[in-house]
C-alpha atoms as a PDB file:
ATOM      1  CA  MET A   1      -0.315  -0.160  -0.029  1.00  0.00           C
ATOM      2  CA  PRO A   2       2.217   3.042  -0.967  1.00  0.00           C
ATOM      3  CA  ILE A   3       1.980   6.411   0.647  1.00  0.00           C
ATOM      4  CA  VAL A   4       2.419   9.576  -2.095  1.00  0.00           C
ATOM      5  CA  THR A   5       2.525  12.726  -0.616  1.00  0.00           C
ATOM      6  CA  ILE A   6       2.668  16.073  -3.173  1.00  0.00           C
ATOM      7  CA  GLN A   7       3.269  19.701  -1.848  1.00  0.00           C
ATOM      8  CA  VAL A   8       2.701  22.362  -3.673  1.00  0.00           C
ATOM      9  CA  THR A   9       2.583  26.506  -2.876  1.00  0.00           C
ATOM     10  CA  ARG A  10      -0.932  27.371  -1.873  1.00  0.00           C
ATOM     11  CA  GLU A  11      -1.617  30.257  -4.981  1.00  0.00           C
ATOM     12  CA  GLY A  12      -3.821  29.525  -7.760  1.00  0.00           C
ATOM     13  CA  ASN A  13      -2.148  29.002 -10.850  1.00  0.00           C
ATOM     14  CA  THR A  14      -4.605  30.985 -12.767  1.00  0.00           C
ATOM     15  CA  PRO A  15      -5.973  34.861 -11.614  1.00  0.00           C
ATOM     16  CA  GLY A  16      -8.422  35.218  -8.862  1.00  0.00           C
ATOM     17  CA  THR A  17      -7.432  32.038  -7.511  1.00  0.00           C
ATOM     18  CA  ASN A  18      -4.952  31.220  -4.384  1.00  0.00           C
ATOM     19  CA  ALA A  19      -5.082  27.329  -4.965  1.00  0.00           C
ATOM     20  CA  VAL A  20      -5.031  23.922  -6.598  1.00  0.00           C
ATOM     21  CA  THR A  21      -8.359  23.435  -8.107  1.00  0.00           C
ATOM     22  CA  ALA A  22      -9.548  19.859  -7.477  1.00  0.00           C
ATOM     23  CA  GLU A  23      -9.950  19.730 -10.961  1.00  0.00           C
ATOM     24  CA  GLU A  24      -6.178  19.774 -10.634  1.00  0.00           C
ATOM     25  CA  LYS A  25      -6.181  17.558  -7.159  1.00  0.00           C
ATOM     26  CA  ARG A  26      -7.856  14.540  -9.497  1.00  0.00           C
ATOM     27  CA  GLN A  27      -5.361  15.179 -11.970  1.00  0.00           C
ATOM     28  CA  LEU A  28      -2.412  14.521  -9.803  1.00  0.00           C
ATOM     29  CA  ILE A  29      -4.096  11.719  -7.481  1.00  0.00           C
ATOM     30  CA  LYS A  30      -4.505   9.997 -11.218  1.00  0.00           C
ATOM     31  CA  GLY A  31      -1.266  10.571 -12.586  1.00  0.00           C
ATOM     32  CA  ALA A  32       0.287   9.874  -9.276  1.00  0.00           C
ATOM     33  CA  SER A  33      -1.636   6.719  -8.917  1.00  0.00           C
ATOM     34  CA  GLN A  34      -1.103   5.605 -12.684  1.00  0.00           C
ATOM     35  CA  LEU A  35       2.834   6.093 -12.644  1.00  0.00           C
ATOM     36  CA  LEU A  36       3.060   3.710  -9.043  1.00  0.00           C
ATOM     37  CA  LEU A  37       0.848   1.259 -11.132  1.00  0.00           C
ATOM     38  CA  ASP A  38       3.327   1.895 -14.369  1.00  0.00           C
ATOM     39  CA  VAL A  39       6.703   1.773 -12.503  1.00  0.00           C
ATOM     40  CA  LEU A  40       6.085  -0.656  -9.400  1.00  0.00           C
ATOM     41  CA  ASN A  41       3.448  -2.022 -10.457  1.00  0.00           C
ATOM     42  CA  LYS A  42       1.196  -0.951  -7.449  1.00  0.00           C
ATOM     43  CA  PRO A  43      -2.153  -1.335  -7.955  1.00  0.00           C
ATOM     44  CA  VAL A  44      -4.525   1.707  -8.516  1.00  0.00           C
ATOM     45  CA  ASP A  45      -6.920   1.079  -5.637  1.00  0.00           C
ATOM     46  CA  THR A  46      -4.320   0.759  -3.074  1.00  0.00           C
ATOM     47  CA  THR A  47      -2.646   3.394  -3.766  1.00  0.00           C
ATOM     48  CA  PHE A  48      -3.460   6.559  -1.655  1.00  0.00           C
ATOM     49  CA  VAL A  49      -2.349   9.941  -2.391  1.00  0.00           C
ATOM     50  CA  VAL A  50      -2.554  13.554  -0.118  1.00  0.00           C
ATOM     51  CA  ILE A  51      -2.096  16.537  -1.785  1.00  0.00           C
ATOM     52  CA  GLN A  52      -0.450  19.019   0.920  1.00  0.00           C
ATOM     53  CA  GLU A  53      -0.574  22.861   0.235  1.00  0.00           C
ATOM     54  CA  VAL A  54       1.913  24.987   1.469  1.00  0.00           C
ATOM     55  CA  ASP A  55       1.663  28.546   2.223  1.00  0.00           C
ATOM     56  CA  LEU A  56       4.064  30.978   0.686  1.00  0.00           C
ATOM     57  CA  ASP A  57       5.469  32.175   4.049  1.00  0.00           C
ATOM     58  CA  ASN A  58       6.394  27.988   4.757  1.00  0.00           C
ATOM     59  CA  TRP A  59       7.663  27.867   1.947  1.00  0.00           C
ATOM     60  CA  GLY A  60      11.492  29.574   0.436  1.00  0.00           C
ATOM     61  CA  VAL A  61      13.618  29.077  -2.254  1.00  0.00           C
ATOM     62  CA  GLY A  62      17.073  30.782  -2.151  1.00  0.00           C
ATOM     63  CA  GLY A  63      16.914  31.254   1.924  1.00  0.00           C
ATOM     64  CA  LEU A  64      14.223  33.175   1.297  1.00  0.00           C
ATOM     65  CA  THR A  65      10.249  32.752   1.764  1.00  0.00           C
ATOM     66  CA  VAL A  66       9.234  32.562  -1.486  1.00  0.00           C
ATOM     67  CA  PRO A  67       7.632  35.847  -1.672  1.00  0.00           C
ATOM     68  CA  GLU A  68      10.700  37.530  -1.055  1.00  0.00           C
ATOM     69  CA  TYR A  69      12.718  35.224  -3.577  1.00  0.00           C
ATOM     70  CA  ARG A  70      10.078  36.857  -6.041  1.00  0.00           C
ATOM     71  CA  ARG A  71      10.211  40.054  -5.278  1.00  0.00           C
ATOM     72  CA  GLN A  72      13.945  40.355  -5.690  1.00  0.00           C
ATOM     73  CA  LYS A  73      14.143  38.287  -8.342  1.00  0.00           C
ATOM     74  CA  GLN A  74      12.022  40.691  -9.704  1.00  0.00           C
ATOM     75  CA  ALA A  75      13.686  43.564  -8.776  1.00  0.00           C
ATOM     76  CA  LYS A  76      17.403  42.183 -10.361  1.00  0.00           C
ATOM     77  CA  GLU A  77      14.953  42.198 -14.133  1.00  0.00           C
ATOM     78  CA  SER A  78      13.170  45.420 -13.409  1.00  0.00           C
END
């Protein structure tokens, strides 16, 4: 019984959204389950997929929170 955890930042992929949509989550669950079936021959009906949405302030890159990293990156590009 495999358990897959997918972590994504809590932000929308389209204007006006601030989270992964239900359809995107459905696709992630289906795709991860299919991947484990294809690679490890694990049955889809015994594969558990957990999606965790992480607030941007709790996610970092380059030693900075994501919002600060993006601000600095944008300032350099301007």
